[in-house]
Amino acid sequence: MGRVFARVAGVALAFAIGMPVSGAAAGEAAAQRPARAAAIAGGHDQGGAWLVAEYRDFQLRKRGDRATKTIAIELRVAADVVTITAGPQGVTVTRGDRRIVVDSAEALQSVQELLGSSPAVFGARGMLSELEAVSTLGVPDMSLLSAAAFVASLVGDTEATQRVADRFVEKHRGLYRQVRLPSSSGCWATYSAEVTASWNELQDCMADADDKEFFRAAYERIACNTIWLLRSESAYFEYLNCLSPLSAITK
């Protein structure tokens, strides 16, 4: 399985995602043919947190800006490039010479038409479907899969973020009562608590979108997913900052 090392404020981090989960019947077959890994490099600086991942011929780049509280996600397969910017003011999608601000249910329909033929979006969805069930859902894994799930939600899979969040909570919520954690557990415990809290908020928000007309409900769920993505990205930055604080950053 491939690995990539990222140096974050003097700390070398080795990230990999895609190791098969043991125990299930499907896991026996997966053990004979391990899941392909996504190579991930991630870190932070004074401006915010970043992540770069490669999976097969697909590449995802993500940058969170602390000052503007926005996240820029770039998807790339060959010459096809899609950029998605999410922030408190909403979501903007760019592909080629077209740029759409997702400010209505009708705009969301236009986004789905724009991205429907995109190899880059197909790459993001393919990676998500292959890795979300086998990931250990550690911090870099969640940072990558949360971005891919948000992309999937823009093109019709509005519950993608909820699936990833559900798996994280199911896997990690009871961890602290069951095992003794290493010395760095304070950073992980804080991260996990925040991601779990954002899961609660996502559940409530998604429930409010029920019983609406299809595209109106989808549009409202995108708003829920945006809030969850921004909160998850903030937790990612704070985790990296906890592991290796930057003196120039003020809290």
C-alpha atoms as a PDB file:
ATOM      1  CA  MET A   1       0.000   0.000   0.000  1.00  0.00           C
ATOM      2  CA  GLY A   2       1.370   3.403  -0.959  1.00  0.00           C
ATOM      3  CA  ARG A   3       2.149   6.086   1.597  1.00  0.00           C
ATOM      4  CA  VAL A   4       2.953   9.750   1.389  1.00  0.00           C
ATOM      5  CA  PHE A   5       4.772  11.743   4.044  1.00  0.00           C
ATOM      6  CA  ALA A   6       3.801  15.330   4.825  1.00  0.00           C
ATOM      7  CA  ARG A   7       5.930  17.558   7.034  1.00  0.00           C
ATOM      8  CA  VAL A   8       3.669  19.706   9.201  1.00  0.00           C
ATOM      9  CA  ALA A   9       5.463  22.328  11.293  1.00  0.00           C
ATOM     10  CA  GLY A  10       8.351  19.948  11.884  1.00  0.00           C
ATOM     11  CA  VAL A  11       6.223  16.826  12.389  1.00  0.00           C
ATOM     12  CA  ALA A  12       6.296  14.088   9.737  1.00  0.00           C
ATOM     13  CA  LEU A  13       2.866  12.559   9.132  1.00  0.00           C
ATOM     14  CA  ALA A  14       2.298   9.383   7.099  1.00  0.00           C
ATOM     15  CA  PHE A  15      -1.282   9.172   5.825  1.00  0.00           C
ATOM     16  CA  ALA A  16      -2.969   6.330   3.982  1.00  0.00           C
ATOM     17  CA  ILE A  17      -6.578   5.324   3.463  1.00  0.00           C
ATOM     18  CA  GLY A  18      -8.103   2.189   2.031  1.00  0.00           C
ATOM     19  CA  MET A  19      -7.005  -0.611   4.361  1.00  0.00           C
ATOM     20  CA  PRO A  20      -9.699  -3.297   4.463  1.00  0.00           C
ATOM     21  CA  VAL A  21     -11.747  -3.774   7.619  1.00  0.00           C
ATOM     22  CA  SER A  22     -11.278  -7.222   9.149  1.00  0.00           C
ATOM     23  CA  GLY A  23     -13.913  -9.486  10.613  1.00  0.00           C
ATOM     24  CA  ALA A  24     -16.791  -9.463   8.146  1.00  0.00           C
ATOM     25  CA  ALA A  25     -17.310 -12.128   5.518  1.00  0.00           C
ATOM     26  CA  ALA A  26     -16.426  -9.609   2.861  1.00  0.00           C
ATOM     27  CA  GLY A  27     -13.242  -8.890   4.769  1.00  0.00           C
ATOM     28  CA  GLU A  28     -11.908 -12.379   4.017  1.00  0.00           C
ATOM     29  CA  ALA A  29     -12.052 -11.714   0.304  1.00  0.00           C
ATOM     30  CA  ALA A  30     -10.661  -8.221   0.801  1.00  0.00           C
ATOM     31  CA  ALA A  31      -7.707  -9.685   2.701  1.00  0.00           C
ATOM     32  CA  GLN A  32      -6.733 -11.587  -0.441  1.00  0.00           C
ATOM     33  CA  ARG A  33      -7.122  -8.464  -2.576  1.00  0.00           C
ATOM     34  CA  PRO A  34      -6.432  -5.408  -0.373  1.00  0.00           C
ATOM     35  CA  ALA A  35      -8.248  -2.197  -1.184  1.00  0.00           C
ATOM     36  CA  ARG A  36      -6.230   0.303  -3.157  1.00  0.00           C
ATOM     37  CA  ALA A  37      -4.895   3.112  -0.984  1.00  0.00           C
ATOM     38  CA  ALA A  38      -5.340   6.810  -1.521  1.00  0.00           C
ATOM     39  CA  ALA A  39      -2.109   8.709  -0.961  1.00  0.00           C
ATOM     40  CA  ILE A  40      -2.786  11.750   1.217  1.00  0.00           C
ATOM     41  CA  ALA A  41      -0.598  14.668   2.253  1.00  0.00           C
ATOM     42  CA  GLY A  42      -1.985  17.190   4.722  1.00  0.00           C
ATOM     43  CA  GLY A  43      -0.913  20.025   6.944  1.00  0.00           C
ATOM     44  CA  HIS A  44      -1.558  23.530   8.151  1.00  0.00           C
ATOM     45  CA  ASP A  45      -0.021  26.978   8.222  1.00  0.00           C
ATOM     46  CA  GLN A  46      -1.003  30.412   9.479  1.00  0.00           C
ATOM     47  CA  GLY A  47      -3.796  30.705   6.913  1.00  0.00           C
ATOM     48  CA  GLY A  48      -5.520  27.383   7.441  1.00  0.00           C
ATOM     49  CA  ALA A  49      -5.381  23.666   6.677  1.00  0.00           C
ATOM     50  CA  TRP A  50      -4.731  21.864   3.403  1.00  0.00           C
ATOM     51  CA  LEU A  51      -4.918  18.363   1.991  1.00  0.00           C
ATOM     52  CA  VAL A  52      -3.889  16.730  -1.289  1.00  0.00           C
ATOM     53  CA  ALA A  53      -4.978  13.200  -2.215  1.00  0.00           C
ATOM     54  CA  GLU A  54      -4.464  10.939  -5.213  1.00  0.00           C
ATOM     55  CA  TYR A  55      -6.501   7.844  -5.988  1.00  0.00           C
ATOM     56  CA  ARG A  56      -6.045   6.017  -9.283  1.00  0.00           C
ATOM     57  CA  ASP A  57      -6.091   8.820 -11.891  1.00  0.00           C
ATOM     58  CA  PHE A  58      -8.127  11.166  -9.675  1.00  0.00           C
ATOM     59  CA  GLN A  59      -6.699  14.027  -7.622  1.00  0.00           C
ATOM     60  CA  LEU A  60      -8.387  16.103  -4.933  1.00  0.00           C
ATOM     61  CA  ARG A  61      -6.953  19.267  -3.419  1.00  0.00           C
ATOM     62  CA  LYS A  62      -8.587  21.029  -0.501  1.00  0.00           C
ATOM     63  CA  ARG A  63      -7.705  24.240   1.302  1.00  0.00           C
ATOM     64  CA  GLY A  64      -9.519  25.737   4.286  1.00  0.00           C
ATOM     65  CA  ASP A  65      -9.079  29.472   4.859  1.00  0.00           C
ATOM     66  CA  ARG A  66      -9.310  30.512   8.505  1.00  0.00           C
ATOM     67  CA  ALA A  67      -9.915  34.203   7.835  1.00  0.00           C
ATOM     68  CA  THR A  68     -12.826  33.790   5.429  1.00  0.00           C
ATOM     69  CA  LYS A  69     -14.050  30.462   6.868  1.00  0.00           C
ATOM     70  CA  THR A  70     -14.239  29.047   3.345  1.00  0.00           C
ATOM     71  CA  ILE A  71     -13.119  25.744   1.849  1.00  0.00           C
ATOM     72  CA  ALA A  72     -11.902  25.405  -1.732  1.00  0.00           C
ATOM     73  CA  ILE A  73     -12.026  21.898  -3.201  1.00  0.00           C
ATOM     74  CA  GLU A  74     -10.383  21.187  -6.554  1.00  0.00           C
ATOM     75  CA  LEU A  75     -11.141  17.921  -8.384  1.00  0.00           C
ATOM     76  CA  ARG A  76      -9.046  16.837 -11.346  1.00  0.00           C
ATOM     77  CA  VAL A  77      -8.981  13.945 -13.813  1.00  0.00           C
ATOM     78  CA  ALA A  78      -6.736  14.658 -16.812  1.00  0.00           C
ATOM     79  CA  ALA A  79      -7.884  17.984 -18.325  1.00  0.00           C
ATOM     80  CA  ASP A  80     -11.224  18.084 -16.491  1.00  0.00           C
ATOM     81  CA  VAL A  81     -11.049  20.406 -13.484  1.00  0.00           C
ATOM     82  CA  VAL A  82     -13.897  21.279 -11.124  1.00  0.00           C
ATOM     83  CA  THR A  83     -13.577  23.798  -8.312  1.00  0.00           C
ATOM     84  CA  ILE A  84     -16.088  24.013  -5.472  1.00  0.00           C
ATOM     85  CA  THR A  85     -15.967  26.781  -2.880  1.00  0.00           C
ATOM     86  CA  ALA A  86     -18.075  26.476   0.271  1.00  0.00           C
ATOM     87  CA  GLY A  87     -18.428  29.060   3.003  1.00  0.00           C
ATOM     88  CA  PRO A  88     -20.854  30.974   5.207  1.00  0.00           C
ATOM     89  CA  GLN A  89     -22.129  32.821   2.132  1.00  0.00           C
ATOM     90  CA  GLY A  90     -22.959  29.626   0.249  1.00  0.00           C
ATOM     91  CA  VAL A  91     -21.512  27.355  -2.424  1.00  0.00           C
ATOM     92  CA  THR A  92     -20.003  28.189  -5.814  1.00  0.00           C
ATOM     93  CA  VAL A  93     -19.172  25.624  -8.502  1.00  0.00           C
ATOM     94  CA  THR A  94     -16.836  26.249 -11.452  1.00  0.00           C
ATOM     95  CA  ARG A  95     -16.091  23.988 -14.402  1.00  0.00           C
ATOM     96  CA  GLY A  96     -14.388  25.346 -17.478  1.00  0.00           C
ATOM     97  CA  ASP A  97     -15.812  28.768 -18.267  1.00  0.00           C
ATOM     98  CA  ARG A  98     -19.050  28.195 -16.312  1.00  0.00           C
ATOM     99  CA  ARG A  99     -19.550  29.364 -12.752  1.00  0.00           C
ATOM    100  CA  ILE A 100     -22.736  28.750 -10.780  1.00  0.00           C
ATOM    101  CA  VAL A 101     -23.658  30.134  -7.381  1.00  0.00           C
ATOM    102  CA  VAL A 102     -25.861  27.586  -5.625  1.00  0.00           C
ATOM    103  CA  ASP A 103     -28.415  30.004  -4.194  1.00  0.00           C
ATOM    104  CA  SER A 104     -31.659  28.241  -5.116  1.00  0.00           C
ATOM    105  CA  ALA A 105     -33.159  24.874  -5.955  1.00  0.00           C
ATOM    106  CA  GLU A 106     -33.048  25.892  -9.618  1.00  0.00           C
ATOM    107  CA  ALA A 107     -29.328  26.697  -9.365  1.00  0.00           C
ATOM    108  CA  LEU A 108     -28.738  23.256  -7.841  1.00  0.00           C
ATOM    109  CA  GLN A 109     -30.411  21.703 -10.897  1.00  0.00           C
ATOM    110  CA  SER A 110     -28.022  23.692 -13.106  1.00  0.00           C
ATOM    111  CA  VAL A 111     -25.046  22.437 -11.086  1.00  0.00           C
ATOM    112  CA  GLN A 112     -26.157  18.849 -11.545  1.00  0.00           C
ATOM    113  CA  GLU A 113     -26.423  19.400 -15.293  1.00  0.00           C
ATOM    114  CA  LEU A 114     -22.976  21.044 -15.353  1.00  0.00           C
ATOM    115  CA  LEU A 115     -21.283  18.269 -13.401  1.00  0.00           C
ATOM    116  CA  GLY A 116     -23.225  15.311 -14.754  1.00  0.00           C
ATOM    117  CA  SER A 117     -20.615  14.541 -17.435  1.00  0.00           C
ATOM    118  CA  SER A 118     -17.544  15.474 -15.380  1.00  0.00           C
ATOM    119  CA  PRO A 119     -14.822  12.786 -15.143  1.00  0.00           C
ATOM    120  CA  ALA A 120     -13.427  14.620 -12.100  1.00  0.00           C
ATOM    121  CA  VAL A 121     -16.734  14.387 -10.240  1.00  0.00           C
ATOM    122  CA  PHE A 122     -17.073  10.770 -11.325  1.00  0.00           C
ATOM    123  CA  GLY A 123     -13.590  10.186  -9.866  1.00  0.00           C
ATOM    124  CA  ALA A 124     -14.613  11.726  -6.538  1.00  0.00           C
ATOM    125  CA  ARG A 125     -17.751   9.589  -6.354  1.00  0.00           C
ATOM    126  CA  GLY A 126     -15.877   6.457  -7.388  1.00  0.00           C
ATOM    127  CA  MET A 127     -13.254   6.993  -4.713  1.00  0.00           C
ATOM    128  CA  LEU A 128     -15.937   7.623  -2.098  1.00  0.00           C
ATOM    129  CA  SER A 129     -17.900   4.481  -2.964  1.00  0.00           C
ATOM    130  CA  GLU A 130     -14.768   2.323  -2.887  1.00  0.00           C
ATOM    131  CA  LEU A 131     -13.199   3.706   0.282  1.00  0.00           C
ATOM    132  CA  GLU A 132     -15.959   4.867   2.632  1.00  0.00           C
ATOM    133  CA  ALA A 133     -16.791   1.319   3.765  1.00  0.00           C
ATOM    134  CA  VAL A 134     -13.184   0.181   4.321  1.00  0.00           C
ATOM    135  CA  SER A 135     -11.589   3.312   5.757  1.00  0.00           C
ATOM    136  CA  THR A 136     -10.435   3.399   9.369  1.00  0.00           C
ATOM    137  CA  LEU A 137     -11.889   6.944   9.462  1.00  0.00           C
ATOM    138  CA  GLY A 138      -8.907   8.521  11.111  1.00  0.00           C
ATOM    139  CA  VAL A 139      -8.468  12.282  10.836  1.00  0.00           C
ATOM    140  CA  PRO A 140      -6.889  12.505   7.336  1.00  0.00           C
ATOM    141  CA  ASP A 141      -9.341   9.893   6.058  1.00  0.00           C
ATOM    142  CA  MET A 142     -12.285  11.923   7.324  1.00  0.00           C
ATOM    143  CA  SER A 143     -10.886  15.115   5.834  1.00  0.00           C
ATOM    144  CA  LEU A 144     -10.680  13.451   2.416  1.00  0.00           C
ATOM    145  CA  LEU A 145     -13.977  11.549   2.547  1.00  0.00           C
ATOM    146  CA  SER A 146     -15.930  14.510   3.916  1.00  0.00           C
ATOM    147  CA  ALA A 147     -14.864  16.555   0.885  1.00  0.00           C
ATOM    148  CA  ALA A 148     -15.725  13.731  -1.525  1.00  0.00           C
ATOM    149  CA  ALA A 149     -19.089  13.190   0.189  1.00  0.00           C
ATOM    150  CA  PHE A 150     -19.898  16.887  -0.135  1.00  0.00           C
ATOM    151  CA  VAL A 151     -19.143  16.703  -3.854  1.00  0.00           C
ATOM    152  CA  ALA A 152     -21.421  13.668  -4.158  1.00  0.00           C
ATOM    153  CA  SER A 153     -24.199  15.557  -2.397  1.00  0.00           C
ATOM    154  CA  LEU A 154     -24.083  18.286  -5.049  1.00  0.00           C
ATOM    155  CA  VAL A 155     -24.868  15.797  -7.816  1.00  0.00           C
ATOM    156  CA  GLY A 156     -27.752  13.966  -6.177  1.00  0.00           C
ATOM    157  CA  ASP A 157     -26.365  11.837  -3.336  1.00  0.00           C
ATOM    158  CA  THR A 158     -27.502  14.279  -0.659  1.00  0.00           C
ATOM    159  CA  GLU A 159     -27.101  11.707   2.132  1.00  0.00           C
ATOM    160  CA  ALA A 160     -23.427  10.987   1.345  1.00  0.00           C
ATOM    161  CA  THR A 161     -22.156  13.224   4.146  1.00  0.00           C
ATOM    162  CA  GLN A 162     -24.597  11.630   6.560  1.00  0.00           C
ATOM    163  CA  ARG A 163     -23.289   8.142   5.720  1.00  0.00           C
ATOM    164  CA  VAL A 164     -19.694   9.159   6.379  1.00  0.00           C
ATOM    165  CA  ALA A 165     -20.638  10.956   9.600  1.00  0.00           C
ATOM    166  CA  ASP A 166     -22.746   7.998  10.745  1.00  0.00           C
ATOM    167  CA  ARG A 167     -19.854   5.594  10.224  1.00  0.00           C
ATOM    168  CA  PHE A 168     -17.463   7.826  12.151  1.00  0.00           C
ATOM    169  CA  VAL A 169     -19.784   8.079  15.127  1.00  0.00           C
ATOM    170  CA  GLU A 170     -20.585   4.376  15.055  1.00  0.00           C
ATOM    171  CA  LYS A 171     -16.886   3.484  14.934  1.00  0.00           C
ATOM    172  CA  HIS A 172     -15.456   5.981  17.418  1.00  0.00           C
ATOM    173  CA  ARG A 173     -18.080   7.302  19.830  1.00  0.00           C
ATOM    174  CA  GLY A 174     -17.487   4.664  22.524  1.00  0.00           C
ATOM    175  CA  LEU A 175     -13.726   4.529  22.092  1.00  0.00           C
ATOM    176  CA  TYR A 176     -12.694   6.514  25.143  1.00  0.00           C
ATOM    177  CA  ARG A 177     -14.579   4.352  27.610  1.00  0.00           C
ATOM    178  CA  GLN A 178     -13.075   1.147  26.230  1.00  0.00           C
ATOM    179  CA  VAL A 179      -9.329   1.606  25.775  1.00  0.00           C
ATOM    180  CA  ARG A 180      -6.397   3.528  27.181  1.00  0.00           C
ATOM    181  CA  LEU A 181      -5.366   6.149  24.658  1.00  0.00           C
ATOM    182  CA  PRO A 182      -1.810   7.237  23.803  1.00  0.00           C
ATOM    183  CA  SER A 183      -0.297  10.507  25.003  1.00  0.00           C
ATOM    184  CA  SER A 184      -1.647  12.360  21.975  1.00  0.00           C
ATOM    185  CA  SER A 185      -5.197  11.317  22.835  1.00  0.00           C
ATOM    186  CA  GLY A 186      -6.154  14.833  23.935  1.00  0.00           C
ATOM    187  CA  CYS A 187      -5.963  16.045  20.324  1.00  0.00           C
ATOM    188  CA  TRP A 188      -7.887  13.035  19.042  1.00  0.00           C
ATOM    189  CA  ALA A 189     -10.505  13.239  21.816  1.00  0.00           C
ATOM    190  CA  THR A 190     -11.184  16.896  21.034  1.00  0.00           C
ATOM    191  CA  TYR A 191     -11.406  16.181  17.318  1.00  0.00           C
ATOM    192  CA  SER A 192     -13.744  13.228  17.790  1.00  0.00           C
ATOM    193  CA  ALA A 193     -15.990  15.139  20.188  1.00  0.00           C
ATOM    194  CA  GLU A 194     -16.360  17.984  17.675  1.00  0.00           C
ATOM    195  CA  VAL A 195     -17.066  15.657  14.750  1.00  0.00           C
ATOM    196  CA  THR A 196     -19.658  13.834  16.848  1.00  0.00           C
ATOM    197  CA  ALA A 197     -21.280  17.147  17.823  1.00  0.00           C
ATOM    198  CA  SER A 198     -21.392  18.164  14.155  1.00  0.00           C
ATOM    199  CA  TRP A 199     -23.072  14.803  13.419  1.00  0.00           C
ATOM    200  CA  ASN A 200     -25.854  15.684  15.893  1.00  0.00           C
ATOM    201  CA  GLU A 201     -26.355  19.039  14.189  1.00  0.00           C
ATOM    202  CA  LEU A 202     -26.416  17.390  10.758  1.00  0.00           C
ATOM    203  CA  GLN A 203     -29.091  14.911  11.855  1.00  0.00           C
ATOM    204  CA  ASP A 204     -31.363  17.695  13.080  1.00  0.00           C
ATOM    205  CA  CYS A 205     -30.792  19.822   9.993  1.00  0.00           C
ATOM    206  CA  MET A 206     -31.487  16.973   7.568  1.00  0.00           C
ATOM    207  CA  ALA A 207     -34.678  16.035   9.407  1.00  0.00           C
ATOM    208  CA  ASP A 208     -35.980  19.582   8.896  1.00  0.00           C
ATOM    209  CA  ALA A 209     -35.665  19.104   5.122  1.00  0.00           C
ATOM    210  CA  ASP A 210     -38.098  16.160   5.073  1.00  0.00           C
ATOM    211  CA  ASP A 211     -41.484  16.436   3.386  1.00  0.00           C
ATOM    212  CA  LYS A 212     -40.327  19.143   0.997  1.00  0.00           C
ATOM    213  CA  GLU A 213     -40.577  19.142  -2.788  1.00  0.00           C
ATOM    214  CA  PHE A 214     -37.645  17.090  -4.197  1.00  0.00           C
ATOM    215  CA  PHE A 215     -35.283  19.825  -5.377  1.00  0.00           C
ATOM    216  CA  ARG A 216     -36.241  22.126  -2.517  1.00  0.00           C
ATOM    217  CA  ALA A 217     -35.415  19.364  -0.048  1.00  0.00           C
ATOM    218  CA  ALA A 218     -32.156  18.647  -1.895  1.00  0.00           C
ATOM    219  CA  TYR A 219     -31.221  22.331  -1.788  1.00  0.00           C
ATOM    220  CA  GLU A 220     -31.871  22.495   1.961  1.00  0.00           C
ATOM    221  CA  ARG A 221     -29.805  19.348   2.503  1.00  0.00           C
ATOM    222  CA  ILE A 222     -26.916  20.953   0.618  1.00  0.00           C
ATOM    223  CA  ALA A 223     -27.095  23.803   3.130  1.00  0.00           C
ATOM    224  CA  CYS A 224     -26.956  21.222   5.957  1.00  0.00           C
ATOM    225  CA  ASN A 225     -24.004  19.498   4.307  1.00  0.00           C
ATOM    226  CA  THR A 226     -22.186  22.815   3.893  1.00  0.00           C
ATOM    227  CA  ILE A 227     -22.486  23.586   7.587  1.00  0.00           C
ATOM    228  CA  TRP A 228     -21.233  20.097   8.433  1.00  0.00           C
ATOM    229  CA  LEU A 229     -18.305  20.402   6.005  1.00  0.00           C
ATOM    230  CA  LEU A 230     -17.223  23.765   7.437  1.00  0.00           C
ATOM    231  CA  ARG A 231     -17.430  22.452  10.988  1.00  0.00           C
ATOM    232  CA  SER A 232     -15.507  19.297  10.075  1.00  0.00           C
ATOM    233  CA  GLU A 233     -12.801  21.350   8.377  1.00  0.00           C
ATOM    234  CA  SER A 234     -12.453  23.515  11.474  1.00  0.00           C
ATOM    235  CA  ALA A 235     -12.020  20.352  13.558  1.00  0.00           C
ATOM    236  CA  TYR A 236      -9.344  19.139  11.115  1.00  0.00           C
ATOM    237  CA  PHE A 237      -7.393  22.384  11.459  1.00  0.00           C
ATOM    238  CA  GLU A 238      -7.646  22.377  15.245  1.00  0.00           C
ATOM    239  CA  TYR A 239      -6.452  18.777  15.368  1.00  0.00           C
ATOM    240  CA  LEU A 240      -3.353  19.585  13.299  1.00  0.00           C
ATOM    241  CA  ASN A 241      -2.756  22.696  15.377  1.00  0.00           C
ATOM    242  CA  CYS A 242      -3.038  20.625  18.561  1.00  0.00           C
ATOM    243  CA  LEU A 243      -0.440  18.149  17.290  1.00  0.00           C
ATOM    244  CA  SER A 244       1.965  20.889  16.279  1.00  0.00           C
ATOM    245  CA  PRO A 245       0.912  24.454  17.204  1.00  0.00           C
ATOM    246  CA  LEU A 246       2.174  27.370  15.160  1.00  0.00           C
ATOM    247  CA  SER A 247       3.278  30.240  17.342  1.00  0.00           C
ATOM    248  CA  ALA A 248       1.991  32.817  14.850  1.00  0.00           C
ATOM    249  CA  ILE A 249      -1.563  31.517  15.138  1.00  0.00           C
ATOM    250  CA  THR A 250      -3.773  33.228  17.669  1.00  0.00           C
ATOM    251  CA  LYS A 251      -6.916  31.603  19.019  1.00  0.00           C
END
